[in-house]
Amino acid sequence: MTQESKEIRFAFGKNWASFSKEIDDEKVNQAIKRLAALISPLSLTGKRFLDIGCGSGLHSLAALELGAASVTAFDLDPDSVATAQAVLGARGDDKPYSVRIRSVLDATPAEDGLFDMVYS
């Protein structure tokens, strides 16, 4: 990216890092209920889930709890990615997930695979 084309973005990552300290079972359960209501009557069981702009990783965690076969989470902010990795690492157990600094605009099936559900 050239200096002229460099985009300015608000860095939400530090906000998400602060928020993540408040993630408890109640917040996780609320996220699960909201995500389930959003996708109802569909099911995440056995599906590949892509979380665009994953922030704290809370909704990626909710997708795993709802039975997603795997979760891939993208965010442009390195602090958001670190926060999501920490949240999923602490609560995601051995469920398959990956969190990357990446723009969805750069995603390709060859590099990233295909997804059954995309959340942003």
PDB file of N, CA and C in Angstrom:
ATOM      1  N   MET A   1       0.854  -1.158   0.000  1.00  0.00           N
ATOM      2  CA  MET A   1       0.000   0.000   0.000  1.00  0.00           C
ATOM      3  C   MET A   1       0.905   1.228   0.000  1.00  0.00           C
ATOM      4  N   THR A   2       0.670   2.120  -0.928  1.00  0.00           N
ATOM      5  CA  THR A   2       1.477   3.333  -0.991  1.00  0.00           C
ATOM      6  C   THR A   2       1.043   4.314   0.076  1.00  0.00           C
ATOM      7  N   GLN A   3       1.908   5.250   0.370  1.00  0.00           N
ATOM      8  CA  GLN A   3       1.595   6.259   1.381  1.00  0.00           C
ATOM      9  C   GLN A   3       0.344   7.035   0.984  1.00  0.00           C
ATOM     10  N   GLU A   4       0.165   7.311  -0.308  1.00  0.00           N
ATOM     11  CA  GLU A   4      -0.990   8.071  -0.769  1.00  0.00           C
ATOM     12  C   GLU A   4      -2.295   7.301  -0.594  1.00  0.00           C
ATOM     13  N   SER A   5      -2.241   5.966  -0.704  1.00  0.00           N
ATOM     14  CA  SER A   5      -3.468   5.181  -0.644  1.00  0.00           C
ATOM     15  C   SER A   5      -3.753   4.624   0.753  1.00  0.00           C
ATOM     16  N   LYS A   6      -2.887   4.923   1.704  1.00  0.00           N
ATOM     17  CA  LYS A   6      -3.078   4.396   3.055  1.00  0.00           C
ATOM     18  C   LYS A   6      -4.365   4.953   3.654  1.00  0.00           C
ATOM     19  N   GLU A   7      -5.209   4.031   4.111  1.00  0.00           N
ATOM     20  CA  GLU A   7      -6.483   4.428   4.697  1.00  0.00           C
ATOM     21  C   GLU A   7      -6.321   4.726   6.170  1.00  0.00           C
ATOM     22  N   ILE A   8      -7.144   5.628   6.662  1.00  0.00           N
ATOM     23  CA  ILE A   8      -7.162   5.941   8.077  1.00  0.00           C
ATOM     24  C   ILE A   8      -8.323   5.180   8.694  1.00  0.00           C
ATOM     25  N   ARG A   9      -8.039   4.456   9.769  1.00  0.00           N
ATOM     26  CA  ARG A   9      -9.062   3.680  10.462  1.00  0.00           C
ATOM     27  C   ARG A   9      -8.981   3.981  11.949  1.00  0.00           C
ATOM     28  N   PHE A  10     -10.139   3.941  12.595  1.00  0.00           N
ATOM     29  CA  PHE A  10     -10.155   4.064  14.039  1.00  0.00           C
ATOM     30  C   PHE A  10      -9.724   2.724  14.617  1.00  0.00           C
ATOM     31  N   ALA A  11      -8.809   2.747  15.529  1.00  0.00           N
ATOM     32  CA  ALA A  11      -8.302   1.527  16.146  1.00  0.00           C
ATOM     33  C   ALA A  11      -9.200   1.143  17.331  1.00  0.00           C
ATOM     34  N   PHE A  12     -10.113   0.221  17.099  1.00  0.00           N
ATOM     35  CA  PHE A  12     -11.035  -0.238  18.134  1.00  0.00           C
ATOM     36  C   PHE A  12     -10.393  -1.232  19.095  1.00  0.00           C
ATOM     37  N   GLY A  13      -9.265  -1.771  18.729  1.00  0.00           N
ATOM     38  CA  GLY A  13      -8.665  -2.878  19.468  1.00  0.00           C
ATOM     39  C   GLY A  13      -8.476  -2.644  20.945  1.00  0.00           C
ATOM     40  N   LYS A  14      -8.020  -1.467  21.317  1.00  0.00           N
ATOM     41  CA  LYS A  14      -7.816  -1.183  22.738  1.00  0.00           C
ATOM     42  C   LYS A  14      -9.151  -1.145  23.480  1.00  0.00           C
ATOM     43  N   ASN A  15     -10.211  -0.672  22.808  1.00  0.00           N
ATOM     44  CA  ASN A  15     -11.550  -0.696  23.403  1.00  0.00           C
ATOM     45  C   ASN A  15     -11.993  -2.140  23.633  1.00  0.00           C
ATOM     46  N   TRP A  16     -11.764  -3.008  22.634  1.00  0.00           N
ATOM     47  CA  TRP A  16     -12.150  -4.415  22.767  1.00  0.00           C
ATOM     48  C   TRP A  16     -11.342  -5.103  23.857  1.00  0.00           C
ATOM     49  N   ALA A  17     -10.081  -4.735  23.994  1.00  0.00           N
ATOM     50  CA  ALA A  17      -9.252  -5.328  25.050  1.00  0.00           C
ATOM     51  C   ALA A  17      -9.823  -4.980  26.422  1.00  0.00           C
ATOM     52  N   SER A  18     -10.250  -3.740  26.568  1.00  0.00           N
ATOM     53  CA  SER A  18     -10.862  -3.310  27.830  1.00  0.00           C
ATOM     54  C   SER A  18     -12.183  -4.050  28.073  1.00  0.00           C
ATOM     55  N   PHE A  19     -13.025  -4.118  27.025  1.00  0.00           N
ATOM     56  CA  PHE A  19     -14.310  -4.812  27.120  1.00  0.00           C
ATOM     57  C   PHE A  19     -14.119  -6.293  27.472  1.00  0.00           C
ATOM     58  N   SER A  20     -13.095  -6.905  26.910  1.00  0.00           N
ATOM     59  CA  SER A  20     -12.913  -8.355  27.095  1.00  0.00           C
ATOM     60  C   SER A  20     -12.700  -8.726  28.561  1.00  0.00           C
ATOM     61  N   LYS A  21     -12.231  -7.793  29.366  1.00  0.00           N
ATOM     62  CA  LYS A  21     -12.040  -8.065  30.789  1.00  0.00           C
ATOM     63  C   LYS A  21     -13.374  -8.248  31.503  1.00  0.00           C
ATOM     64  N   GLU A  22     -14.454  -7.789  30.865  1.00  0.00           N
ATOM     65  CA  GLU A  22     -15.790  -7.901  31.450  1.00  0.00           C
ATOM     66  C   GLU A  22     -16.574  -9.095  30.909  1.00  0.00           C
ATOM     67  N   ILE A  23     -15.969  -9.862  29.997  1.00  0.00           N
ATOM     68  CA  ILE A  23     -16.668 -11.010  29.426  1.00  0.00           C
ATOM     69  C   ILE A  23     -16.755 -12.105  30.481  1.00  0.00           C
ATOM     70  N   ASP A  24     -17.983 -12.400  30.866  1.00  0.00           N
ATOM     71  CA  ASP A  24     -18.244 -13.456  31.833  1.00  0.00           C
ATOM     72  C   ASP A  24     -19.272 -14.405  31.228  1.00  0.00           C
ATOM     73  N   ASP A  25     -19.704 -15.392  31.988  1.00  0.00           N
ATOM     74  CA  ASP A  25     -20.664 -16.366  31.475  1.00  0.00           C
ATOM     75  C   ASP A  25     -21.953 -15.694  31.012  1.00  0.00           C
ATOM     76  N   GLU A  26     -22.400 -14.669  31.722  1.00  0.00           N
ATOM     77  CA  GLU A  26     -23.637 -13.983  31.334  1.00  0.00           C
ATOM     78  C   GLU A  26     -23.493 -13.309  29.973  1.00  0.00           C
ATOM     79  N   LYS A  27     -22.372 -12.640  29.729  1.00  0.00           N
ATOM     80  CA  LYS A  27     -22.152 -11.987  28.437  1.00  0.00           C
ATOM     81  C   LYS A  27     -22.043 -13.019  27.313  1.00  0.00           C
ATOM     82  N   VAL A  28     -21.384 -14.128  27.597  1.00  0.00           N
ATOM     83  CA  VAL A  28     -21.272 -15.197  26.593  1.00  0.00           C
ATOM     84  C   VAL A  28     -22.658 -15.756  26.285  1.00  0.00           C
ATOM     85  N   ASN A  29     -23.446 -16.028  27.310  1.00  0.00           N
ATOM     86  CA  ASN A  29     -24.795 -16.558  27.103  1.00  0.00           C
ATOM     87  C   ASN A  29     -25.675 -15.577  26.339  1.00  0.00           C
ATOM     88  N   GLN A  30     -25.551 -14.288  26.610  1.00  0.00           N
ATOM     89  CA  GLN A  30     -26.310 -13.278  25.866  1.00  0.00           C
ATOM     90  C   GLN A  30     -25.904 -13.287  24.393  1.00  0.00           C
ATOM     91  N   ALA A  31     -24.609 -13.373  24.126  1.00  0.00           N
ATOM     92  CA  ALA A  31     -24.122 -13.409  22.741  1.00  0.00           C
ATOM     93  C   ALA A  31     -24.628 -14.656  22.023  1.00  0.00           C
ATOM     94  N   ILE A  32     -24.640 -15.782  22.720  1.00  0.00           N
ATOM     95  CA  ILE A  32     -25.148 -17.027  22.133  1.00  0.00           C
ATOM     96  C   ILE A  32     -26.623 -16.865  21.769  1.00  0.00           C
ATOM     97  N   LYS A  33     -27.418 -16.324  22.691  1.00  0.00           N
ATOM     98  CA  LYS A  33     -28.852 -16.128  22.436  1.00  0.00           C
ATOM     99  C   LYS A  33     -29.088 -15.183  21.261  1.00  0.00           C
ATOM    100  N   ARG A  34     -28.325 -14.096  21.199  1.00  0.00           N
ATOM    101  CA  ARG A  34     -28.500 -13.122  20.101  1.00  0.00           C
ATOM    102  C   ARG A  34     -28.101 -13.713  18.755  1.00  0.00           C
ATOM    103  N   LEU A  35     -27.003 -14.435  18.728  1.00  0.00           N
ATOM    104  CA  LEU A  35     -26.575 -15.051  17.479  1.00  0.00           C
ATOM    105  C   LEU A  35     -27.558 -16.129  17.056  1.00  0.00           C
ATOM    106  N   ALA A  36     -28.030 -16.924  17.994  1.00  0.00           N
ATOM    107  CA  ALA A  36     -29.013 -17.969  17.683  1.00  0.00           C
ATOM    108  C   ALA A  36     -30.291 -17.352  17.135  1.00  0.00           C
ATOM    109  N   ALA A  37     -30.743 -16.232  17.711  1.00  0.00           N
ATOM    110  CA  ALA A  37     -31.950 -15.562  17.221  1.00  0.00           C
ATOM    111  C   ALA A  37     -31.731 -15.014  15.814  1.00  0.00           C
ATOM    112  N   LEU A  38     -30.536 -14.529  15.550  1.00  0.00           N
ATOM    113  CA  LEU A  38     -30.222 -13.962  14.240  1.00  0.00           C
ATOM    114  C   LEU A  38     -30.243 -15.028  13.149  1.00  0.00           C
ATOM    115  N   ILE A  39     -29.733 -16.200  13.441  1.00  0.00           N
ATOM    116  CA  ILE A  39     -29.625 -17.237  12.409  1.00  0.00           C
ATOM    117  C   ILE A  39     -30.800 -18.208  12.401  1.00  0.00           C
ATOM    118  N   SER A  40     -31.677 -18.095  13.377  1.00  0.00           N
ATOM    119  CA  SER A  40     -32.823 -19.002  13.458  1.00  0.00           C
ATOM    120  C   SER A  40     -33.645 -18.924  12.182  1.00  0.00           C
ATOM    121  N   PRO A  41     -34.114 -20.014  11.628  1.00  0.00           N
ATOM    122  CA  PRO A  41     -34.119 -21.386  12.117  1.00  0.00           C
ATOM    123  C   PRO A  41     -32.909 -22.195  11.656  1.00  0.00           C
ATOM    124  N   LEU A  42     -31.918 -21.534  11.091  1.00  0.00           N
ATOM    125  CA  LEU A  42     -30.720 -22.248  10.650  1.00  0.00           C
ATOM    126  C   LEU A  42     -29.925 -22.732  11.854  1.00  0.00           C
ATOM    127  N   SER A  43     -29.033 -23.629  11.618  1.00  0.00           N
ATOM    128  CA  SER A  43     -28.190 -24.157  12.678  1.00  0.00           C
ATOM    129  C   SER A  43     -26.728 -23.973  12.290  1.00  0.00           C
ATOM    130  N   LEU A  44     -25.892 -23.743  13.259  1.00  0.00           N
ATOM    131  CA  LEU A  44     -24.453 -23.657  13.010  1.00  0.00           C
ATOM    132  C   LEU A  44     -23.762 -25.009  13.152  1.00  0.00           C
ATOM    133  N   THR A  45     -24.480 -25.998  13.599  1.00  0.00           N
ATOM    134  CA  THR A  45     -23.881 -27.306  13.833  1.00  0.00           C
ATOM    135  C   THR A  45     -23.196 -27.817  12.571  1.00  0.00           C
ATOM    136  N   GLY A  46     -21.891 -28.044  12.703  1.00  0.00           N
ATOM    137  CA  GLY A  46     -21.116 -28.584  11.601  1.00  0.00           C
ATOM    138  C   GLY A  46     -20.771 -27.584  10.505  1.00  0.00           C
ATOM    139  N   LYS A  47     -21.073 -26.315  10.702  1.00  0.00           N
ATOM    140  CA  LYS A  47     -20.849 -25.309   9.654  1.00  0.00           C
ATOM    141  C   LYS A  47     -19.546 -24.553   9.883  1.00  0.00           C
ATOM    142  N   ARG A  48     -18.987 -24.030   8.781  1.00  0.00           N
ATOM    143  CA  ARG A  48     -17.804 -23.152   8.847  1.00  0.00           C
ATOM    144  C   ARG A  48     -18.302 -21.716   8.960  1.00  0.00           C
ATOM    145  N   PHE A  49     -17.812 -20.990   9.948  1.00  0.00           N
ATOM    146  CA  PHE A  49     -18.298 -19.655  10.303  1.00  0.00           C
ATOM    147  C   PHE A  49     -17.170 -18.647  10.112  1.00  0.00           C
ATOM    148  N   LEU A  50     -17.456 -17.558   9.408  1.00  0.00           N
ATOM    149  CA  LEU A  50     -16.497 -16.471   9.226  1.00  0.00           C
ATOM    150  C   LEU A  50     -17.013 -15.247   9.961  1.00  0.00           C
ATOM    151  N   ASP A  51     -16.195 -14.707  10.847  1.00  0.00           N
ATOM    152  CA  ASP A  51     -16.514 -13.501  11.612  1.00  0.00           C
ATOM    153  C   ASP A  51     -15.647 -12.371  11.079  1.00  0.00           C
ATOM    154  N   ILE A  52     -16.290 -11.419  10.392  1.00  0.00           N
ATOM    155  CA  ILE A  52     -15.581 -10.283   9.794  1.00  0.00           C
ATOM    156  C   ILE A  52     -15.597  -9.117  10.771  1.00  0.00           C
ATOM    157  N   GLY A  53     -14.419  -8.602  11.097  1.00  0.00           N
ATOM    158  CA  GLY A  53     -14.335  -7.530  12.088  1.00  0.00           C
ATOM    159  C   GLY A  53     -14.641  -8.091  13.462  1.00  0.00           C
ATOM    160  N   CYS A  54     -13.870  -9.087  13.867  1.00  0.00           N
ATOM    161  CA  CYS A  54     -14.200  -9.900  15.037  1.00  0.00           C
ATOM    162  C   CYS A  54     -14.110  -9.163  16.369  1.00  0.00           C
ATOM    163  N   GLY A  55     -13.445  -8.037  16.427  1.00  0.00           N
ATOM    164  CA  GLY A  55     -13.390  -7.258  17.667  1.00  0.00           C
ATOM    165  C   GLY A  55     -12.885  -8.053  18.842  1.00  0.00           C
ATOM    166  N   SER A  56     -13.744  -8.280  19.824  1.00  0.00           N
ATOM    167  CA  SER A  56     -13.352  -9.007  21.042  1.00  0.00           C
ATOM    168  C   SER A  56     -13.324 -10.516  20.848  1.00  0.00           C
ATOM    169  N   GLY A  57     -13.945 -11.014  19.788  1.00  0.00           N
ATOM    170  CA  GLY A  57     -14.040 -12.460  19.579  1.00  0.00           C
ATOM    171  C   GLY A  57     -15.260 -13.082  20.238  1.00  0.00           C
ATOM    172  N   LEU A  58     -16.094 -12.255  20.861  1.00  0.00           N
ATOM    173  CA  LEU A  58     -17.255 -12.773  21.590  1.00  0.00           C
ATOM    174  C   LEU A  58     -18.216 -13.533  20.674  1.00  0.00           C
ATOM    175  N   HIS A  59     -18.468 -13.015  19.478  1.00  0.00           N
ATOM    176  CA  HIS A  59     -19.402 -13.694  18.581  1.00  0.00           C
ATOM    177  C   HIS A  59     -18.768 -14.927  17.928  1.00  0.00           C
ATOM    178  N   SER A  60     -17.464 -14.911  17.762  1.00  0.00           N
ATOM    179  CA  SER A  60     -16.774 -16.126  17.317  1.00  0.00           C
ATOM    180  C   SER A  60     -16.930 -17.214  18.366  1.00  0.00           C
ATOM    181  N   LEU A  61     -16.772 -16.842  19.623  1.00  0.00           N
ATOM    182  CA  LEU A  61     -16.963 -17.783  20.724  1.00  0.00           C
ATOM    183  C   LEU A  61     -18.393 -18.304  20.744  1.00  0.00           C
ATOM    184  N   ALA A  62     -19.362 -17.413  20.546  1.00  0.00           N
ATOM    185  CA  ALA A  62     -20.770 -17.821  20.520  1.00  0.00           C
ATOM    186  C   ALA A  62     -21.014 -18.824  19.394  1.00  0.00           C
ATOM    187  N   ALA A  63     -20.410 -18.596  18.234  1.00  0.00           N
ATOM    188  CA  ALA A  63     -20.575 -19.529  17.109  1.00  0.00           C
ATOM    189  C   ALA A  63     -20.021 -20.910  17.462  1.00  0.00           C
ATOM    190  N   LEU A  64     -18.880 -20.942  18.124  1.00  0.00           N
ATOM    191  CA  LEU A  64     -18.326 -22.228  18.552  1.00  0.00           C
ATOM    192  C   LEU A  64     -19.250 -22.916  19.547  1.00  0.00           C
ATOM    193  N   GLU A  65     -19.799 -22.143  20.467  1.00  0.00           N
ATOM    194  CA  GLU A  65     -20.716 -22.708  21.465  1.00  0.00           C
ATOM    195  C   GLU A  65     -21.998 -23.229  20.811  1.00  0.00           C
ATOM    196  N   LEU A  66     -22.383 -22.635  19.676  1.00  0.00           N
ATOM    197  CA  LEU A  66     -23.585 -23.072  18.959  1.00  0.00           C
ATOM    198  C   LEU A  66     -23.290 -24.237  18.009  1.00  0.00           C
ATOM    199  N   GLY A  67     -22.063 -24.764  18.059  1.00  0.00           N
ATOM    200  CA  GLY A  67     -21.749 -25.973  17.312  1.00  0.00           C
ATOM    201  C   GLY A  67     -21.045 -25.793  15.991  1.00  0.00           C
ATOM    202  N   ALA A  68     -20.549 -24.588  15.699  1.00  0.00           N
ATOM    203  CA  ALA A  68     -19.812 -24.401  14.447  1.00  0.00           C
ATOM    204  C   ALA A  68     -18.656 -25.391  14.389  1.00  0.00           C
ATOM    205  N   ALA A  69     -18.455 -25.962  13.207  1.00  0.00           N
ATOM    206  CA  ALA A  69     -17.352 -26.909  13.034  1.00  0.00           C
ATOM    207  C   ALA A  69     -16.015 -26.195  13.153  1.00  0.00           C
ATOM    208  N   SER A  70     -15.971 -24.962  12.659  1.00  0.00           N
ATOM    209  CA  SER A  70     -14.769 -24.141  12.773  1.00  0.00           C
ATOM    210  C   SER A  70     -15.163 -22.680  12.639  1.00  0.00           C
ATOM    211  N   VAL A  71     -14.323 -21.834  13.208  1.00  0.00           N
ATOM    212  CA  VAL A  71     -14.524 -20.389  13.134  1.00  0.00           C
ATOM    213  C   VAL A  71     -13.237 -19.762  12.625  1.00  0.00           C
ATOM    214  N   THR A  72     -13.386 -18.898  11.649  1.00  0.00           N
ATOM    215  CA  THR A  72     -12.292 -18.062  11.185  1.00  0.00           C
ATOM    216  C   THR A  72     -12.700 -16.629  11.460  1.00  0.00           C
ATOM    217  N   ALA A  73     -11.824 -15.875  12.098  1.00  0.00           N
ATOM    218  CA  ALA A  73     -12.131 -14.503  12.470  1.00  0.00           C
ATOM    219  C   ALA A  73     -11.090 -13.567  11.861  1.00  0.00           C
ATOM    220  N   PHE A  74     -11.572 -12.515  11.206  1.00  0.00           N
ATOM    221  CA  PHE A  74     -10.706 -11.508  10.598  1.00  0.00           C
ATOM    222  C   PHE A  74     -10.916 -10.176  11.296  1.00  0.00           C
ATOM    223  N   ASP A  75      -9.852  -9.425  11.431  1.00  0.00           N
ATOM    224  CA  ASP A  75      -9.940  -8.026  11.838  1.00  0.00           C
ATOM    225  C   ASP A  75      -8.696  -7.328  11.312  1.00  0.00           C
ATOM    226  N   LEU A  76      -8.840  -6.052  11.022  1.00  0.00           N
ATOM    227  CA  LEU A  76      -7.703  -5.272  10.536  1.00  0.00           C
ATOM    228  C   LEU A  76      -6.842  -4.746  11.674  1.00  0.00           C
ATOM    229  N   ASP A  77      -7.401  -4.678  12.865  1.00  0.00           N
ATOM    230  CA  ASP A  77      -6.708  -4.094  14.006  1.00  0.00           C
ATOM    231  C   ASP A  77      -5.940  -5.178  14.764  1.00  0.00           C
ATOM    232  N   PRO A  78      -4.613  -5.053  14.850  1.00  0.00           N
ATOM    233  CA  PRO A  78      -3.818  -6.067  15.561  1.00  0.00           C
ATOM    234  C   PRO A  78      -4.239  -6.242  17.020  1.00  0.00           C
ATOM    235  N   ASP A  79      -4.666  -5.165  17.684  1.00  0.00           N
ATOM    236  CA  ASP A  79      -5.113  -5.284  19.071  1.00  0.00           C
ATOM    237  C   ASP A  79      -6.417  -6.073  19.163  1.00  0.00           C
ATOM    238  N   SER A  80      -7.306  -5.896  18.193  1.00  0.00           N
ATOM    239  CA  SER A  80      -8.540  -6.686  18.161  1.00  0.00           C
ATOM    240  C   SER A  80      -8.214  -8.160  17.962  1.00  0.00           C
ATOM    241  N   VAL A  81      -7.310  -8.450  17.058  1.00  0.00           N
ATOM    242  CA  VAL A  81      -6.918  -9.839  16.802  1.00  0.00           C
ATOM    243  C   VAL A  81      -6.319 -10.452  18.067  1.00  0.00           C
ATOM    244  N   ALA A  82      -5.454  -9.718  18.745  1.00  0.00           N
ATOM    245  CA  ALA A  82      -4.855 -10.230  19.987  1.00  0.00           C
ATOM    246  C   ALA A  82      -5.931 -10.472  21.047  1.00  0.00           C
ATOM    247  N   THR A  83      -6.905  -9.571  21.137  1.00  0.00           N
ATOM    248  CA  THR A  83      -7.985  -9.724  22.115  1.00  0.00           C
ATOM    249  C   THR A  83      -8.838 -10.939  21.778  1.00  0.00           C
ATOM    250  N   ALA A  84      -9.229 -11.069  20.515  1.00  0.00           N
ATOM    251  CA  ALA A  84     -10.049 -12.217  20.108  1.00  0.00           C
ATOM    252  C   ALA A  84      -9.300 -13.532  20.352  1.00  0.00           C
ATOM    253  N   GLN A  85      -7.997 -13.542  20.069  1.00  0.00           N
ATOM    254  CA  GLN A  85      -7.209 -14.756  20.322  1.00  0.00           C
ATOM    255  C   GLN A  85      -7.194 -15.085  21.817  1.00  0.00           C
ATOM    256  N   ALA A  86      -7.075 -14.060  22.646  1.00  0.00           N
ATOM    257  CA  ALA A  86      -7.063 -14.287  24.093  1.00  0.00           C
ATOM    258  C   ALA A  86      -8.413 -14.798  24.589  1.00  0.00           C
ATOM    259  N   VAL A  87      -9.505 -14.191  24.104  1.00  0.00           N
ATOM    260  CA  VAL A  87     -10.848 -14.614  24.518  1.00  0.00           C
ATOM    261  C   VAL A  87     -11.108 -16.047  24.076  1.00  0.00           C
ATOM    262  N   LEU A  88     -10.820 -16.356  22.825  1.00  0.00           N
ATOM    263  CA  LEU A  88     -11.044 -17.711  22.325  1.00  0.00           C
ATOM    264  C   LEU A  88     -10.095 -18.707  22.993  1.00  0.00           C
ATOM    265  N   GLY A  89      -8.877 -18.283  23.250  1.00  0.00           N
ATOM    266  CA  GLY A  89      -7.927 -19.161  23.918  1.00  0.00           C
ATOM    267  C   GLY A  89      -8.348 -19.501  25.335  1.00  0.00           C
ATOM    268  N   ALA A  90      -8.962 -18.543  26.011  1.00  0.00           N
ATOM    269  CA  ALA A  90      -9.381 -18.758  27.393  1.00  0.00           C
ATOM    270  C   ALA A  90     -10.674 -19.546  27.496  1.00  0.00           C
ATOM    271  N   ARG A  91     -11.564 -19.396  26.488  1.00  0.00           N
ATOM    272  CA  ARG A  91     -12.891 -19.993  26.607  1.00  0.00           C
ATOM    273  C   ARG A  91     -13.240 -20.952  25.476  1.00  0.00           C
ATOM    274  N   GLY A  92     -12.432 -20.976  24.420  1.00  0.00           N
ATOM    275  CA  GLY A  92     -12.763 -21.781  23.252  1.00  0.00           C
ATOM    276  C   GLY A  92     -12.380 -23.236  23.368  1.00  0.00           C
ATOM    277  N   ASP A  93     -11.754 -23.591  24.488  1.00  0.00           N
ATOM    278  CA  ASP A  93     -11.313 -24.963  24.726  1.00  0.00           C
ATOM    279  C   ASP A  93     -10.516 -25.479  23.536  1.00  0.00           C
ATOM    280  N   ASP A  94     -10.842 -26.647  23.064  1.00  0.00           N
ATOM    281  CA  ASP A  94     -10.095 -27.238  21.950  1.00  0.00           C
ATOM    282  C   ASP A  94     -10.859 -27.126  20.637  1.00  0.00           C
ATOM    283  N   LYS A  95     -11.831 -26.226  20.593  1.00  0.00           N
ATOM    284  CA  LYS A  95     -12.630 -26.063  19.379  1.00  0.00           C
ATOM    285  C   LYS A  95     -11.794 -25.372  18.303  1.00  0.00           C
ATOM    286  N   PRO A  96     -11.975 -25.758  17.034  1.00  0.00           N
ATOM    287  CA  PRO A  96     -11.132 -25.226  15.961  1.00  0.00           C
ATOM    288  C   PRO A  96     -11.495 -23.787  15.571  1.00  0.00           C
ATOM    289  N   TYR A  97     -10.498 -22.917  15.712  1.00  0.00           N
ATOM    290  CA  TYR A  97     -10.680 -21.518  15.316  1.00  0.00           C
ATOM    291  C   TYR A  97      -9.334 -20.953  14.866  1.00  0.00           C
ATOM    292  N   SER A  98      -9.416 -19.887  14.077  1.00  0.00           N
ATOM    293  CA  SER A  98      -8.222 -19.111  13.751  1.00  0.00           C
ATOM    294  C   SER A  98      -8.631 -17.646  13.714  1.00  0.00           C
ATOM    295  N   VAL A  99      -7.719 -16.806  14.147  1.00  0.00           N
ATOM    296  CA  VAL A  99      -7.950 -15.363  14.177  1.00  0.00           C
ATOM    297  C   VAL A  99      -6.768 -14.722  13.456  1.00  0.00           C
ATOM    298  N   ARG A 100      -7.083 -13.875  12.472  1.00  0.00           N
ATOM    299  CA  ARG A 100      -6.005 -13.300  11.665  1.00  0.00           C
ATOM    300  C   ARG A 100      -6.220 -11.824  11.396  1.00  0.00           C
ATOM    301  N   ILE A 101      -5.114 -11.118  11.255  1.00  0.00           N
ATOM    302  CA  ILE A 101      -5.163  -9.742  10.758  1.00  0.00           C
ATOM    303  C   ILE A 101      -5.387  -9.871   9.256  1.00  0.00           C
ATOM    304  N   ARG A 102      -6.583  -9.504   8.829  1.00  0.00           N
ATOM    305  CA  ARG A 102      -6.924  -9.704   7.416  1.00  0.00           C
ATOM    306  C   ARG A 102      -8.166  -8.901   7.073  1.00  0.00           C
ATOM    307  N   SER A 103      -8.189  -8.415   5.850  1.00  0.00           N
ATOM    308  CA  SER A 103      -9.387  -7.785   5.311  1.00  0.00           C
ATOM    309  C   SER A 103     -10.181  -8.840   4.559  1.00  0.00           C
ATOM    310  N   VAL A 104     -11.474  -8.826   4.731  1.00  0.00           N
ATOM    311  CA  VAL A 104     -12.312  -9.761   3.990  1.00  0.00           C
ATOM    312  C   VAL A 104     -12.179  -9.507   2.484  1.00  0.00           C
ATOM    313  N   LEU A 105     -11.814  -8.295   2.106  1.00  0.00           N
ATOM    314  CA  LEU A 105     -11.634  -7.974   0.695  1.00  0.00           C
ATOM    315  C   LEU A 105     -10.434  -8.689   0.096  1.00  0.00           C
ATOM    316  N   ASP A 106      -9.541  -9.167   0.941  1.00  0.00           N
ATOM    317  CA  ASP A 106      -8.372  -9.918   0.483  1.00  0.00           C
ATOM    318  C   ASP A 106      -8.576 -11.426   0.569  1.00  0.00           C
ATOM    319  N   ALA A 107      -9.697 -11.854   1.112  1.00  0.00           N
ATOM    320  CA  ALA A 107      -9.960 -13.282   1.292  1.00  0.00           C
ATOM    321  C   ALA A 107     -10.201 -13.961  -0.056  1.00  0.00           C
ATOM    322  N   THR A 108      -9.697 -15.174  -0.167  1.00  0.00           N
ATOM    323  CA  THR A 108      -9.926 -15.981  -1.370  1.00  0.00           C
ATOM    324  C   THR A 108     -10.245 -17.409  -0.939  1.00  0.00           C
ATOM    325  N   PRO A 109     -11.059 -18.098  -1.724  1.00  0.00           N
ATOM    326  CA  PRO A 109     -11.336 -19.502  -1.403  1.00  0.00           C
ATOM    327  C   PRO A 109     -10.063 -20.346  -1.357  1.00  0.00           C
ATOM    328  N   ALA A 110      -9.101 -20.031  -2.215  1.00  0.00           N
ATOM    329  CA  ALA A 110      -7.865 -20.813  -2.245  1.00  0.00           C
ATOM    330  C   ALA A 110      -7.086 -20.678  -0.935  1.00  0.00           C
ATOM    331  N   GLU A 111      -7.047 -19.471  -0.377  1.00  0.00           N
ATOM    332  CA  GLU A 111      -6.296 -19.244   0.864  1.00  0.00           C
ATOM    333  C   GLU A 111      -7.121 -19.491   2.117  1.00  0.00           C
ATOM    334  N   ASP A 112      -8.383 -19.133   2.069  1.00  0.00           N
ATOM    335  CA  ASP A 112      -9.202 -19.108   3.281  1.00  0.00           C
ATOM    336  C   ASP A 112     -10.291 -20.157   3.314  1.00  0.00           C
ATOM    337  N   GLY A 113     -10.539 -20.815   2.209  1.00  0.00           N
ATOM    338  CA  GLY A 113     -11.605 -21.801   2.146  1.00  0.00           C
ATOM    339  C   GLY A 113     -12.951 -21.136   1.900  1.00  0.00           C
ATOM    340  N   LEU A 114     -13.982 -21.930   2.044  1.00  0.00           N
ATOM    341  CA  LEU A 114     -15.356 -21.460   1.864  1.00  0.00           C
ATOM    342  C   LEU A 114     -16.066 -21.522   3.208  1.00  0.00           C
ATOM    343  N   PHE A 115     -17.095 -20.708   3.362  1.00  0.00           N
ATOM    344  CA  PHE A 115     -17.804 -20.619   4.626  1.00  0.00           C
ATOM    345  C   PHE A 115     -19.291 -20.824   4.402  1.00  0.00           C
ATOM    346  N   ASP A 116     -19.926 -21.439   5.369  1.00  0.00           N
ATOM    347  CA  ASP A 116     -21.373 -21.646   5.328  1.00  0.00           C
ATOM    348  C   ASP A 116     -22.116 -20.430   5.840  1.00  0.00           C
ATOM    349  N   MET A 117     -21.487 -19.699   6.751  1.00  0.00           N
ATOM    350  CA  MET A 117     -22.141 -18.529   7.337  1.00  0.00           C
ATOM    351  C   MET A 117     -21.098 -17.443   7.548  1.00  0.00           C
ATOM    352  N   VAL A 118     -21.487 -16.210   7.198  1.00  0.00           N
ATOM    353  CA  VAL A 118     -20.617 -15.041   7.367  1.00  0.00           C
ATOM    354  C   VAL A 118     -21.316 -14.064   8.271  1.00  0.00           C
ATOM    355  N   TYR A 119     -20.598 -13.598   9.295  1.00  0.00           N
ATOM    356  CA  TYR A 119     -21.145 -12.662  10.280  1.00  0.00           C
ATOM    357  C   TYR A 119     -20.246 -11.435  10.330  1.00  0.00           C
ATOM    358  N   SER A 120     -20.866 -10.279  10.380  1.00  0.00           N
ATOM    359  CA  SER A 120     -20.091  -9.050  10.484  1.00  0.00           C
ATOM    360  C   SER A 120     -20.809  -8.075  11.379  1.00  0.00           C
TER     361      SER A 120
END
